[in-house]
C-alpha atoms as a PDB file:
ATOM      1  CA  VAL A   1       0.000   0.000   0.000  1.00  0.00           C
ATOM      2  CA  ARG A   2       2.838   2.349   0.844  1.00  0.00           C
ATOM      3  CA  GLN A   3       4.501   1.628  -2.505  1.00  0.00           C
ATOM      4  CA  ALA A   4       1.265   2.367  -4.328  1.00  0.00           C
ATOM      5  CA  ALA A   5       0.812   5.618  -2.376  1.00  0.00           C
ATOM      6  CA  ARG A   6       4.333   6.926  -3.150  1.00  0.00           C
ATOM      7  CA  PRO A   7       3.485   8.287  -6.638  1.00  0.00           C
ATOM      8  CA  VAL A   8       0.496  10.159  -5.210  1.00  0.00           C
ATOM      9  CA  ALA A   9       2.730  11.567  -2.477  1.00  0.00           C
ATOM     10  CA  ARG A  10       5.350  12.677  -5.060  1.00  0.00           C
ATOM     11  CA  MET A  11       2.665  14.472  -7.066  1.00  0.00           C
ATOM     12  CA  ALA A  12       1.394  16.209  -3.919  1.00  0.00           C
ATOM     13  CA  MET A  13       4.972  17.171  -2.919  1.00  0.00           C
ATOM     14  CA  SER A  14       5.763  18.640  -6.344  1.00  0.00           C
ATOM     15  CA  TYR A  15       2.529  20.641  -6.236  1.00  0.00           C
ATOM     16  CA  ALA A  16       3.360  21.833  -2.720  1.00  0.00           C
ATOM     17  CA  GLU A  17       6.851  22.953  -3.770  1.00  0.00           C
ATOM     18  CA  LYS A  18       5.457  25.003  -6.692  1.00  0.00           C
ATOM     19  CA  HIS A  19       2.442  26.661  -5.032  1.00  0.00           C
ATOM     20  CA  PRO A  20       3.517  29.851  -3.137  1.00  0.00           C
ATOM     21  CA  SER A  21       0.972  29.863  -0.311  1.00  0.00           C
ATOM     22  CA  PHE A  22       1.488  26.148   0.268  1.00  0.00           C
ATOM     23  CA  ARG A  23       5.300  26.755   0.378  1.00  0.00           C
ATOM     24  CA  GLU A  24       4.734  29.288   3.155  1.00  0.00           C
ATOM     25  CA  GLN A  25       2.530  26.930   5.130  1.00  0.00           C
ATOM     26  CA  SER A  26       4.957  24.028   4.608  1.00  0.00           C
ATOM     27  CA  ALA A  27       7.864  26.141   5.836  1.00  0.00           C
ATOM     28  CA  ALA A  28       5.896  27.276   8.906  1.00  0.00           C
ATOM     29  CA  VAL A  29       4.847  23.720   9.803  1.00  0.00           C
ATOM     30  CA  ALA A  30       8.365  22.362   9.258  1.00  0.00           C
ATOM     31  CA  ARG A  31       9.903  25.108  11.433  1.00  0.00           C
ATOM     32  CA  TRP A  32       7.300  24.489  14.162  1.00  0.00           C
ATOM     33  CA  VAL A  33       7.919  20.717  14.133  1.00  0.00           C
ATOM     34  CA  ASP A  34      11.686  21.262  14.098  1.00  0.00           C
ATOM     35  CA  MET A  35      11.529  23.720  17.024  1.00  0.00           C
ATOM     36  CA  ARG A  36       9.292  21.441  19.111  1.00  0.00           C
ATOM     37  CA  SER A  37      11.373  18.352  18.451  1.00  0.00           C
ATOM     38  CA  LYS A  38      14.574  20.193  19.425  1.00  0.00           C
ATOM     39  CA  GLN A  39      12.952  21.521  22.586  1.00  0.00           C
ATOM     40  CA  MET A  40      11.824  18.044  23.587  1.00  0.00           C
ATOM     41  CA  ALA A  41      15.221  16.556  22.849  1.00  0.00           C
ATOM     42  CA  ARG A  42      17.039  19.180  24.917  1.00  0.00           C
ATOM     43  CA  PRO A  43      17.675  18.323  28.558  1.00  0.00           C
ATOM     44  CA  LEU A  44      15.384  20.094  31.026  1.00  0.00           C
ATOM     45  CA  ARG A  45      17.964  22.139  32.882  1.00  0.00           C
ATOM     46  CA  GLY A  46      18.786  25.751  33.209  1.00  0.00           C
ATOM     47  CA  PRO A  47      16.919  28.775  31.866  1.00  0.00           C
ATOM     48  CA  THR A  48      15.105  28.383  28.566  1.00  0.00           C
ATOM     49  CA  SER A  49      16.731  30.573  26.042  1.00  0.00           C
ATOM     50  CA  LEU A  50      17.190  30.439  22.335  1.00  0.00           C
ATOM     51  CA  GLY A  51      20.462  28.637  22.104  1.00  0.00           C
ATOM     52  CA  PRO A  52      22.307  27.844  18.915  1.00  0.00           C
ATOM     53  CA  GLU A  53      20.471  24.479  18.628  1.00  0.00           C
ATOM     54  CA  LEU A  54      17.066  26.224  18.662  1.00  0.00           C
ATOM     55  CA  GLU A  55      17.676  28.489  15.664  1.00  0.00           C
ATOM     56  CA  GLU A  56      15.206  28.399  12.837  1.00  0.00           C
ATOM     57  CA  ILE A  57      16.099  26.335   9.816  1.00  0.00           C
ATOM     58  CA  PRO A  58      16.585  28.123   6.485  1.00  0.00           C
ATOM     59  CA  TYR A  59      13.499  28.761   4.359  1.00  0.00           C
ATOM     60  CA  GLU A  60      14.378  26.376   1.498  1.00  0.00           C
ATOM     61  CA  ASN A  61      15.201  23.571   3.943  1.00  0.00           C
ATOM     62  CA  ALA A  62      11.940  24.275   5.790  1.00  0.00           C
ATOM     63  CA  VAL A  63       9.986  24.114   2.516  1.00  0.00           C
ATOM     64  CA  GLN A  64      11.645  20.789   1.589  1.00  0.00           C
ATOM     65  CA  GLN A  65      11.056  19.330   5.043  1.00  0.00           C
ATOM     66  CA  GLY A  66       7.445  20.563   5.032  1.00  0.00           C
ATOM     67  CA  CYS A  67       6.821  19.001   1.615  1.00  0.00           C
ATOM     68  CA  MET A  68       8.436  15.739   2.766  1.00  0.00           C
ATOM     69  CA  LEU A  69       6.242  15.820   5.873  1.00  0.00           C
ATOM     70  CA  PHE A  70       3.207  16.447   3.653  1.00  0.00           C
ATOM     71  CA  GLY A  71       4.220  13.510   1.429  1.00  0.00           C
ATOM     72  CA  GLU A  72       4.471  11.222   4.474  1.00  0.00           C
ATOM     73  CA  VAL A  73       1.103  12.452   5.706  1.00  0.00           C
ATOM     74  CA  VAL A  74      -0.389  11.587   2.296  1.00  0.00           C
ATOM     75  CA  VAL A  75       1.211   8.108   2.380  1.00  0.00           C
ATOM     76  CA  TYR A  76       0.013   7.383   5.907  1.00  0.00           C
ATOM     77  CA  THR A  77      -3.446   8.777   5.171  1.00  0.00           C
ATOM     78  CA  ILE A  78      -3.823   6.514   2.141  1.00  0.00           C
ATOM     79  CA  THR A  79      -2.459   3.562   4.126  1.00  0.00           C
ATOM     80  CA  GLY A  80      -4.857   4.295   6.988  1.00  0.00           C
ATOM     81  CA  ALA A  81      -7.793   4.623   4.589  1.00  0.00           C
ATOM     82  CA  VAL A  82      -6.923   1.270   2.983  1.00  0.00           C
ATOM     83  CA  LEU A  83      -6.611  -0.351   6.404  1.00  0.00           C
ATOM     84  CA  VAL A  84      -9.983   1.033   7.490  1.00  0.00           C
ATOM     85  CA  TYR A  85     -11.522  -0.130   4.200  1.00  0.00           C
ATOM     86  CA  GLU A  86     -10.067  -3.641   4.560  1.00  0.00           C
ATOM     87  CA  TYR A  87     -11.173  -3.834   8.191  1.00  0.00           C
ATOM     88  CA  SER A  88     -14.721  -2.790   7.342  1.00  0.00           C
ATOM     89  CA  ARG A  89     -14.780  -5.192   4.377  1.00  0.00           C
ATOM     90  CA  GLN A  90     -13.610  -8.041   6.610  1.00  0.00           C
ATOM     91  CA  LYS A  91     -16.218  -7.170   9.253  1.00  0.00           C
ATOM     92  CA  GLU A  92     -18.916  -7.066   6.579  1.00  0.00           C
ATOM     93  CA  SER A  93     -17.755 -10.445   5.304  1.00  0.00           C
ATOM     94  CA  GLU A  94     -17.882 -11.876   8.840  1.00  0.00           C
ATOM     95  CA  ARG A  95     -21.318 -10.354   9.392  1.00  0.00           C
ATOM     96  CA  LYS A  96     -22.575 -11.836   6.133  1.00  0.00           C
ATOM     97  CA  LYS A  97     -21.111 -15.214   7.073  1.00  0.00           C
ATOM     98  CA  MET A  98     -22.853 -15.056  10.459  1.00  0.00           C
ATOM     99  CA  VAL A  99     -26.142 -14.117   8.778  1.00  0.00           C
ATOM    100  CA  ASP A 100     -25.757 -17.026   6.340  1.00  0.00           C
ATOM    101  CA  GLU A 101     -25.002 -19.429   9.203  1.00  0.00           C
ATOM    102  CA  ARG A 102     -27.991 -18.124  11.174  1.00  0.00           C
ATOM    103  CA  GLU A 103     -30.255 -18.509   8.140  1.00  0.00           C
ATOM    104  CA  ALA A 104     -28.962 -22.053   7.582  1.00  0.00           C
ATOM    105  CA  ALA A 105     -29.605 -22.893  11.236  1.00  0.00           C
ATOM    106  CA  GLU A 106     -33.094 -21.377  11.061  1.00  0.00           C
ATOM    107  CA  HIS A 107     -33.792 -23.330   7.856  1.00  0.00           C
ATOM    108  CA  TRP A 108     -32.589 -26.548   9.481  1.00  0.00           C
ATOM    109  CA  ALA A 109     -34.686 -25.829  12.581  1.00  0.00           C
ATOM    110  CA  ALA A 110     -37.752 -25.156  10.422  1.00  0.00           C
ATOM    111  CA  GLU A 111     -37.237 -28.443   8.566  1.00  0.00           C
ATOM    112  CA  GLU A 112     -36.821 -30.320  11.857  1.00  0.00           C
ATOM    113  CA  ARG A 113     -39.909 -28.632  13.285  1.00  0.00           C
ATOM    114  CA  ALA A 114     -41.909 -29.577  10.180  1.00  0.00           C
ATOM    115  CA  ALA A 115     -40.677 -33.189  10.402  1.00  0.00           C
ATOM    116  CA  ILE A 116     -41.654 -33.362  14.088  1.00  0.00           C
ATOM    117  CA  GLU A 117     -45.066 -31.862  13.342  1.00  0.00           C
ATOM    118  CA  ARG A 118     -45.597 -34.422  10.531  1.00  0.00           C
ATOM    119  CA  ARG A 119     -44.585 -37.270  12.857  1.00  0.00           C
ATOM    120  CA  CYS A 120     -46.920 -35.979  15.588  1.00  0.00           C
ATOM    121  CA  LYS A 121     -49.749 -35.688  13.077  1.00  0.00           C
ATOM    122  CA  ASP A 122     -49.094 -39.254  11.871  1.00  0.00           C
ATOM    123  CA  LEU A 123     -49.034 -40.556  15.438  1.00  0.00           C
ATOM    124  CA  LEU A 124     -52.218 -38.679  16.258  1.00  0.00           C
ATOM    125  CA  THR A 125     -53.953 -40.145  13.187  1.00  0.00           C
ATOM    126  CA  GLU A 126     -52.705 -43.615  14.094  1.00  0.00           C
ATOM    127  CA  HIS A 127     -53.928 -43.262  17.684  1.00  0.00           C
ATOM    128  CA  GLU A 128     -57.273 -41.905  16.537  1.00  0.00           C
ATOM    129  CA  GLU A 129     -57.676 -44.937  14.251  1.00  0.00           C
ATOM    130  CA  ARG A 130     -56.780 -47.284  17.111  1.00  0.00           C
ATOM    131  CA  TYR A 131     -59.188 -45.447  19.395  1.00  0.00           C
ATOM    132  CA  GLU A 132     -62.007 -45.799  16.865  1.00  0.00           C
ATOM    133  CA  GLU A 133     -61.206 -49.494  16.441  1.00  0.00           C
ATOM    134  CA  LEU A 134     -61.245 -50.019  20.223  1.00  0.00           C
ATOM    135  CA  ARG A 135     -64.444 -48.012  20.550  1.00  0.00           C
ATOM    136  CA  ARG A 136     -66.127 -50.196  17.917  1.00  0.00           C
ATOM    137  CA  SER A 137     -64.847 -53.336  19.693  1.00  0.00           C
ATOM    138  CA  VAL A 138     -66.172 -52.106  23.042  1.00  0.00           C
ATOM    139  CA  LYS A 139     -69.498 -51.221  21.413  1.00  0.00           C
ATOM    140  CA  ALA A 140     -69.697 -54.727  19.859  1.00  0.00           C
ATOM    141  CA  LEU A 141     -68.843 -56.338  23.207  1.00  0.00           C
ATOM    142  CA  GLU A 142     -71.472 -54.217  24.952  1.00  0.00           C
ATOM    143  CA  LEU A 143     -74.083 -55.304  22.392  1.00  0.00           C
ATOM    144  CA  GLU A 144     -73.064 -58.936  22.802  1.00  0.00           C
ATOM    145  CA  ALA A 145     -73.225 -58.571  26.595  1.00  0.00           C
ATOM    146  CA  GLU A 146     -76.682 -57.021  26.317  1.00  0.00           C
ATOM    147  CA  LYS A 147     -77.810 -59.937  24.108  1.00  0.00           C
ATOM    148  CA  ARG A 148     -76.424 -62.441  26.604  1.00  0.00           C
ATOM    149  CA  ASP A 149     -78.038 -60.558  29.486  1.00  0.00           C
ATOM    150  CA  ALA A 150     -81.341 -60.620  27.619  1.00  0.00           C
ATOM    151  CA  LYS A 151     -80.883 -64.324  26.873  1.00  0.00           C
ATOM    152  CA  VAL A 152     -80.039 -65.032  30.542  1.00  0.00           C
ATOM    153  CA  LYS A 153     -83.114 -63.083  31.673  1.00  0.00           C
ATOM    154  CA  ALA A 154     -85.274 -64.948  29.170  1.00  0.00           C
ATOM    155  CA  LEU A 155     -83.878 -68.286  30.374  1.00  0.00           C
ATOM    156  CA  GLN A 156     -84.432 -67.272  34.000  1.00  0.00           C
ATOM    157  CA  LYS A 157     -87.965 -66.262  33.207  1.00  0.00           C
ATOM    158  CA  GLU A 158     -88.582 -69.498  31.303  1.00  0.00           C
ATOM    159  CA  ALA A 159     -87.127 -71.536  34.172  1.00  0.00           C
ATOM    160  CA  THR A 160     -89.220 -69.691  36.717  1.00  0.00           C
ATOM    161  CA  LEU A 161     -92.364 -70.253  34.644  1.00  0.00           C
ATOM    162  CA  TRP A 162     -91.662 -73.920  34.048  1.00  0.00           C
ATOM    163  CA  VAL A 163     -90.781 -74.556  37.701  1.00  0.00           C
ATOM    164  CA  ASN A 164     -93.948 -72.809  38.830  1.00  0.00           C
ATOM    165  CA  ALA A 165     -96.050 -74.587  36.236  1.00  0.00           C
ATOM    166  CA  THR A 166     -94.809 -78.089  36.908  1.00  0.00           C
ATOM    167  CA  GLY A 167     -94.190 -77.668  40.593  1.00  0.00           C
ATOM    168  CA  ALA A 168     -91.340 -80.168  40.347  1.00  0.00           C
ATOM    169  CA  GLY A 169     -88.520 -77.786  41.078  1.00  0.00           C
ATOM    170  CA  TRP A 170     -85.565 -76.476  39.356  1.00  0.00           C
ATOM    171  CA  TRP A 171     -83.634 -79.781  39.180  1.00  0.00           C
ATOM    172  CA  ARG A 172     -86.189 -81.307  36.799  1.00  0.00           C
ATOM    173  CA  TRP A 173     -86.035 -78.321  34.606  1.00  0.00           C
ATOM    174  CA  LEU A 174     -82.242 -78.579  34.566  1.00  0.00           C
ATOM    175  CA  ARG A 175     -82.410 -82.285  33.583  1.00  0.00           C
ATOM    176  CA  SER A 176     -84.786 -81.501  30.768  1.00  0.00           C
ATOM    177  CA  LYS A 177     -82.284 -78.993  29.320  1.00  0.00           C
ATOM    178  CA  GLY A 178     -79.305 -81.318  29.530  1.00  0.00           C
END
């Protein structure tokens, strides 16, 4: 990225060297940076006075240093912009991947839910069929029991009538049936 930004920085530096108001600003910034860096590098002792190391740099040197500083600012700005772009692109890619994974999981869950619902519906239908079959069997058994009860009552009535009519007792009636 820095290598790709160098030609842009050279173009900006050549423009800065040719433009008069930009030359003035470059010289002022370069002198300010130079003065501050020398002050920070100087030991903190004694009275602060303008010593020989704190003299201003010549105008042409200040313009060159200011343009070089501007070129480096351009290079680092482009590099920073590319880094921010790549970071945001990577985050967007990760976000999209997470969304795709979430959608796949939701799709899988929906399919599983549908399969479970189908299985429950099948089981319910099967149990309802079994219930109906058992209900019909119980109904048939109840009818058969009612018929047998009616037959038993009829036989009891017949036995009572025969015993009363013959006066011989129930054992004769039983022998006549057997």
